[in-house]
């Protein structure tokens, strides 16, 4: 992946060596609805579901897990998190940009995600970056909260394909 803001942070594809740091960030970021260590390990091994890592000062500052489904017109951000100590430094935006670049590289016409209805900072970031709400999932999270579904159109797709159902949070 590309280095962004040299000397400040870089976005790269996560490796198995990053698993402990990713699991730690997952646990710090989400009280419920966490991706398990086992699932994260499987994602790190899967070429069509990369974890993009933001690294700052030699530490994992954030990550985005992007998923591609065969014949889907959209890529999906399955999970995204930024460590609290690295918040408000542009890392979330850089992870969104890297996710978009990955989707485009893999010829996807859109990028989708889900977000808790009450996560105002994330919603503001997604909308500023060009995502638009197109639906919701009631009772989506373990605590019964609603997920808002967002999509960013990346390119016009004259031959739409089925995108498959989504099943995780943003």
C-alpha atoms as a PDB file:
ATOM      1  CA  UNK A   1       0.000   0.000   0.000  1.00  0.00           C
ATOM      2  CA  UNK A   2       1.022   3.629  -0.253  1.00  0.00           C
ATOM      3  CA  UNK A   3       2.713   5.619   2.441  1.00  0.00           C
ATOM      4  CA  UNK A   4       0.644   8.615   3.428  1.00  0.00           C
ATOM      5  CA  UNK A   5       2.069  11.675   5.178  1.00  0.00           C
ATOM      6  CA  UNK A   6       5.655  10.418   5.306  1.00  0.00           C
ATOM      7  CA  UNK A   7       7.062  10.359   8.815  1.00  0.00           C
ATOM      8  CA  UNK A   8       3.596  10.475  10.357  1.00  0.00           C
ATOM      9  CA  UNK A   9       1.728   7.300   9.383  1.00  0.00           C
ATOM     10  CA  UNK A  10       1.600   4.745   6.609  1.00  0.00           C
ATOM     11  CA  UNK A  11      -1.118   2.467   5.279  1.00  0.00           C
ATOM     12  CA  UNK A  12      -0.064  -1.060   4.348  1.00  0.00           C
ATOM     13  CA  UNK A  13      -1.511  -4.528   4.067  1.00  0.00           C
ATOM     14  CA  UNK A  14      -1.499  -6.201   7.490  1.00  0.00           C
ATOM     15  CA  UNK A  15       0.470  -9.402   8.015  1.00  0.00           C
ATOM     16  CA  UNK A  16       0.093 -12.318  10.440  1.00  0.00           C
ATOM     17  CA  UNK A  17       2.678 -10.607  12.667  1.00  0.00           C
ATOM     18  CA  UNK A  18       0.081  -7.835  13.215  1.00  0.00           C
ATOM     19  CA  UNK A  19      -2.551 -10.207  14.618  1.00  0.00           C
ATOM     20  CA  UNK A  20      -1.956  -9.446  18.321  1.00  0.00           C
ATOM     21  CA  UNK A  21      -2.116  -5.693  17.760  1.00  0.00           C
ATOM     22  CA  UNK A  22      -5.253  -6.001  15.605  1.00  0.00           C
ATOM     23  CA  UNK A  23      -6.990  -8.161  18.214  1.00  0.00           C
ATOM     24  CA  UNK A  24      -6.050  -5.665  20.924  1.00  0.00           C
ATOM     25  CA  UNK A  25      -7.439  -2.764  18.879  1.00  0.00           C
ATOM     26  CA  UNK A  26     -10.617  -4.748  18.108  1.00  0.00           C
ATOM     27  CA  UNK A  27     -11.176  -5.343  21.836  1.00  0.00           C
ATOM     28  CA  UNK A  28     -10.481  -1.702  22.721  1.00  0.00           C
ATOM     29  CA  UNK A  29     -12.765  -0.410  19.979  1.00  0.00           C
ATOM     30  CA  UNK A  30     -15.830  -2.625  20.308  1.00  0.00           C
ATOM     31  CA  UNK A  31     -17.546  -3.762  23.499  1.00  0.00           C
ATOM     32  CA  UNK A  32     -19.684  -6.270  21.613  1.00  0.00           C
ATOM     33  CA  UNK A  33     -19.892  -7.556  18.047  1.00  0.00           C
ATOM     34  CA  UNK A  34     -16.156  -8.118  17.906  1.00  0.00           C
ATOM     35  CA  UNK A  35     -14.396 -10.036  15.191  1.00  0.00           C
ATOM     36  CA  UNK A  36     -12.807 -13.059  16.872  1.00  0.00           C
ATOM     37  CA  UNK A  37      -9.063 -13.690  16.894  1.00  0.00           C
ATOM     38  CA  UNK A  38      -9.641 -16.795  14.791  1.00  0.00           C
ATOM     39  CA  UNK A  39     -11.667 -14.858  12.210  1.00  0.00           C
ATOM     40  CA  UNK A  40      -9.056 -12.076  12.088  1.00  0.00           C
ATOM     41  CA  UNK A  41      -6.337 -14.684  11.491  1.00  0.00           C
ATOM     42  CA  UNK A  42      -8.421 -16.130   8.638  1.00  0.00           C
ATOM     43  CA  UNK A  43      -8.937 -12.652   7.166  1.00  0.00           C
ATOM     44  CA  UNK A  44      -5.183 -12.029   7.258  1.00  0.00           C
ATOM     45  CA  UNK A  45      -4.677 -15.194   5.218  1.00  0.00           C
ATOM     46  CA  UNK A  46      -7.444 -14.515   2.680  1.00  0.00           C
ATOM     47  CA  UNK A  47      -6.375 -12.619  -0.444  1.00  0.00           C
ATOM     48  CA  UNK A  48      -9.906 -11.295  -1.089  1.00  0.00           C
ATOM     49  CA  UNK A  49     -10.405  -9.926   2.447  1.00  0.00           C
ATOM     50  CA  UNK A  50      -7.362  -7.830   3.291  1.00  0.00           C
ATOM     51  CA  UNK A  51      -6.836  -5.976   6.515  1.00  0.00           C
ATOM     52  CA  UNK A  52      -5.342  -2.582   5.740  1.00  0.00           C
ATOM     53  CA  UNK A  53      -3.195  -1.386   8.640  1.00  0.00           C
ATOM     54  CA  UNK A  54      -2.418   2.202   9.571  1.00  0.00           C
ATOM     55  CA  UNK A  55       0.936   2.369  11.318  1.00  0.00           C
ATOM     56  CA  UNK A  56       2.222   5.331  13.277  1.00  0.00           C
ATOM     57  CA  UNK A  57       5.490   5.445  15.211  1.00  0.00           C
ATOM     58  CA  UNK A  58       5.840   1.675  14.833  1.00  0.00           C
ATOM     59  CA  UNK A  59       2.403   0.991  16.339  1.00  0.00           C
ATOM     60  CA  UNK A  60      -0.884  -0.123  14.841  1.00  0.00           C
ATOM     61  CA  UNK A  61      -2.972   3.046  14.828  1.00  0.00           C
ATOM     62  CA  UNK A  62      -5.984   1.626  12.991  1.00  0.00           C
ATOM     63  CA  UNK A  63      -7.206  -0.916  10.526  1.00  0.00           C
ATOM     64  CA  UNK A  64      -9.876  -1.532   7.912  1.00  0.00           C
ATOM     65  CA  UNK A  65     -11.060  -4.980   6.912  1.00  0.00           C
ATOM     66  CA  UNK A  66     -12.285  -4.986   3.312  1.00  0.00           C
ATOM     67  CA  UNK A  67     -14.212  -7.853   1.784  1.00  0.00           C
ATOM     68  CA  UNK A  68     -14.783  -8.798  -1.839  1.00  0.00           C
ATOM     69  CA  UNK A  69     -17.410 -11.292  -2.907  1.00  0.00           C
ATOM     70  CA  UNK A  70     -17.272 -13.020  -6.260  1.00  0.00           C
ATOM     71  CA  UNK A  71     -19.433 -11.325  -8.871  1.00  0.00           C
ATOM     72  CA  UNK A  72     -20.351  -8.515  -6.446  1.00  0.00           C
ATOM     73  CA  UNK A  73     -20.372  -4.973  -7.802  1.00  0.00           C
ATOM     74  CA  UNK A  74     -19.449  -3.555  -4.372  1.00  0.00           C
ATOM     75  CA  UNK A  75     -16.553  -4.073  -2.007  1.00  0.00           C
ATOM     76  CA  UNK A  76     -17.466  -3.947   1.659  1.00  0.00           C
ATOM     77  CA  UNK A  77     -15.733  -2.443   4.649  1.00  0.00           C
ATOM     78  CA  UNK A  78     -16.459  -5.181   7.142  1.00  0.00           C
ATOM     79  CA  UNK A  79     -14.825  -3.459  10.090  1.00  0.00           C
ATOM     80  CA  UNK A  80     -12.834  -0.283  10.664  1.00  0.00           C
ATOM     81  CA  UNK A  81     -11.225   0.999  13.850  1.00  0.00           C
ATOM     82  CA  UNK A  82      -8.775   3.686  14.927  1.00  0.00           C
ATOM     83  CA  UNK A  83      -7.047   3.563  18.317  1.00  0.00           C
ATOM     84  CA  UNK A  84      -8.293   6.317  20.635  1.00  0.00           C
ATOM     85  CA  UNK A  85      -4.764   7.672  21.172  1.00  0.00           C
ATOM     86  CA  UNK A  86      -4.428   8.206  17.405  1.00  0.00           C
ATOM     87  CA  UNK A  87      -7.870   9.726  16.834  1.00  0.00           C
ATOM     88  CA  UNK A  88      -8.396  12.943  14.883  1.00  0.00           C
ATOM     89  CA  UNK A  89      -5.163  12.629  12.898  1.00  0.00           C
ATOM     90  CA  UNK A  90      -6.671  11.664   9.538  1.00  0.00           C
ATOM     91  CA  UNK A  91      -6.153   7.934   9.996  1.00  0.00           C
ATOM     92  CA  UNK A  92      -9.825   7.029   9.536  1.00  0.00           C
ATOM     93  CA  UNK A  93      -9.958   9.036   6.322  1.00  0.00           C
ATOM     94  CA  UNK A  94      -6.717   7.458   5.071  1.00  0.00           C
ATOM     95  CA  UNK A  95      -8.135   3.988   5.753  1.00  0.00           C
ATOM     96  CA  UNK A  96     -11.281   4.899   3.790  1.00  0.00           C
ATOM     97  CA  UNK A  97      -9.126   6.153   0.905  1.00  0.00           C
ATOM     98  CA  UNK A  98      -7.048   2.959   0.947  1.00  0.00           C
ATOM     99  CA  UNK A  99     -10.242   0.870   1.014  1.00  0.00           C
ATOM    100  CA  UNK A 100     -11.588   2.799  -1.968  1.00  0.00           C
ATOM    101  CA  UNK A 101      -8.339   2.310  -3.872  1.00  0.00           C
ATOM    102  CA  UNK A 102      -8.460  -1.423  -3.116  1.00  0.00           C
ATOM    103  CA  UNK A 103     -12.068  -1.613  -4.351  1.00  0.00           C
ATOM    104  CA  UNK A 104     -11.217   0.219  -7.556  1.00  0.00           C
ATOM    105  CA  UNK A 105      -8.129  -1.917  -8.152  1.00  0.00           C
ATOM    106  CA  UNK A 106     -10.404  -4.945  -7.902  1.00  0.00           C
ATOM    107  CA  UNK A 107     -12.913  -3.425 -10.340  1.00  0.00           C
ATOM    108  CA  UNK A 108     -15.704  -2.761  -7.863  1.00  0.00           C
ATOM    109  CA  UNK A 109     -18.182  -0.005  -8.681  1.00  0.00           C
ATOM    110  CA  UNK A 110     -19.103   0.808  -5.078  1.00  0.00           C
ATOM    111  CA  UNK A 111     -17.924   0.576  -1.493  1.00  0.00           C
ATOM    112  CA  UNK A 112     -20.395  -0.299   1.274  1.00  0.00           C
ATOM    113  CA  UNK A 113     -20.407  -0.430   5.059  1.00  0.00           C
ATOM    114  CA  UNK A 114     -22.678  -0.524   8.086  1.00  0.00           C
ATOM    115  CA  UNK A 115     -22.446   1.807  11.069  1.00  0.00           C
ATOM    116  CA  UNK A 116     -24.336   2.075  14.367  1.00  0.00           C
ATOM    117  CA  UNK A 117     -27.100   4.659  14.160  1.00  0.00           C
ATOM    118  CA  UNK A 118     -25.630   6.498  17.172  1.00  0.00           C
ATOM    119  CA  UNK A 119     -21.981   6.659  16.006  1.00  0.00           C
ATOM    120  CA  UNK A 120     -22.129  10.323  14.996  1.00  0.00           C
ATOM    121  CA  UNK A 121     -18.352  10.828  14.445  1.00  0.00           C
ATOM    122  CA  UNK A 122     -18.138   7.854  12.070  1.00  0.00           C
ATOM    123  CA  UNK A 123     -21.310   8.867  10.224  1.00  0.00           C
ATOM    124  CA  UNK A 124     -19.961  12.398   9.765  1.00  0.00           C
ATOM    125  CA  UNK A 125     -16.673  11.031   8.371  1.00  0.00           C
ATOM    126  CA  UNK A 126     -18.428   8.650   5.982  1.00  0.00           C
ATOM    127  CA  UNK A 127     -20.771  11.350   4.693  1.00  0.00           C
ATOM    128  CA  UNK A 128     -17.910  13.831   4.281  1.00  0.00           C
ATOM    129  CA  UNK A 129     -16.054  11.185   2.254  1.00  0.00           C
ATOM    130  CA  UNK A 130     -19.034  10.746  -0.091  1.00  0.00           C
ATOM    131  CA  UNK A 131     -20.967   7.845   1.415  1.00  0.00           C
ATOM    132  CA  UNK A 132     -24.770   8.065   1.305  1.00  0.00           C
ATOM    133  CA  UNK A 133     -27.219   6.135   3.436  1.00  0.00           C
ATOM    134  CA  UNK A 134     -29.304   3.671   1.444  1.00  0.00           C
ATOM    135  CA  UNK A 135     -30.909   1.495   4.096  1.00  0.00           C
ATOM    136  CA  UNK A 136     -30.781   0.120   7.600  1.00  0.00           C
ATOM    137  CA  UNK A 137     -30.775  -3.141   9.528  1.00  0.00           C
ATOM    138  CA  UNK A 138     -32.983  -3.104  12.610  1.00  0.00           C
ATOM    139  CA  UNK A 139     -31.733  -5.146  15.592  1.00  0.00           C
ATOM    140  CA  UNK A 140     -28.368  -5.625  13.860  1.00  0.00           C
ATOM    141  CA  UNK A 141     -26.016  -5.430  16.822  1.00  0.00           C
ATOM    142  CA  UNK A 142     -25.901  -7.684  19.892  1.00  0.00           C
ATOM    143  CA  UNK A 143     -27.522  -4.972  22.010  1.00  0.00           C
ATOM    144  CA  UNK A 144     -30.392  -4.568  19.521  1.00  0.00           C
ATOM    145  CA  UNK A 145     -29.126  -1.320  17.987  1.00  0.00           C
ATOM    146  CA  UNK A 146     -29.885  -0.449  14.377  1.00  0.00           C
ATOM    147  CA  UNK A 147     -27.161  -0.336  11.730  1.00  0.00           C
ATOM    148  CA  UNK A 148     -27.325   2.263   8.998  1.00  0.00           C
ATOM    149  CA  UNK A 149     -26.198   1.031   5.574  1.00  0.00           C
ATOM    150  CA  UNK A 150     -23.968   3.361   3.579  1.00  0.00           C
ATOM    151  CA  UNK A 151     -22.611   3.216   0.059  1.00  0.00           C
ATOM    152  CA  UNK A 152     -20.192   5.236  -1.999  1.00  0.00           C
ATOM    153  CA  UNK A 153     -20.476   4.889  -5.764  1.00  0.00           C
ATOM    154  CA  UNK A 154     -16.968   4.709  -7.211  1.00  0.00           C
ATOM    155  CA  UNK A 155     -17.665   4.229 -10.932  1.00  0.00           C
ATOM    156  CA  UNK A 156     -20.771   3.827 -13.008  1.00  0.00           C
ATOM    157  CA  UNK A 157     -21.498   0.151 -13.537  1.00  0.00           C
ATOM    158  CA  UNK A 158     -23.443  -0.450 -16.751  1.00  0.00           C
ATOM    159  CA  UNK A 159     -23.858  -4.144 -15.898  1.00  0.00           C
ATOM    160  CA  UNK A 160     -24.873  -4.356 -12.214  1.00  0.00           C
ATOM    161  CA  UNK A 161     -24.117  -7.596 -10.449  1.00  0.00           C
ATOM    162  CA  UNK A 162     -25.629  -8.998  -7.290  1.00  0.00           C
ATOM    163  CA  UNK A 163     -23.876  -7.668  -4.234  1.00  0.00           C
ATOM    164  CA  UNK A 164     -24.843 -10.292  -1.689  1.00  0.00           C
ATOM    165  CA  UNK A 165     -26.158  -9.683   1.789  1.00  0.00           C
ATOM    166  CA  UNK A 166     -24.079  -7.857   4.355  1.00  0.00           C
ATOM    167  CA  UNK A 167     -23.592  -9.117   7.861  1.00  0.00           C
ATOM    168  CA  UNK A 168     -21.288  -6.985   9.999  1.00  0.00           C
ATOM    169  CA  UNK A 169     -20.724  -3.543  11.348  1.00  0.00           C
ATOM    170  CA  UNK A 170     -18.680  -0.432  10.598  1.00  0.00           C
END
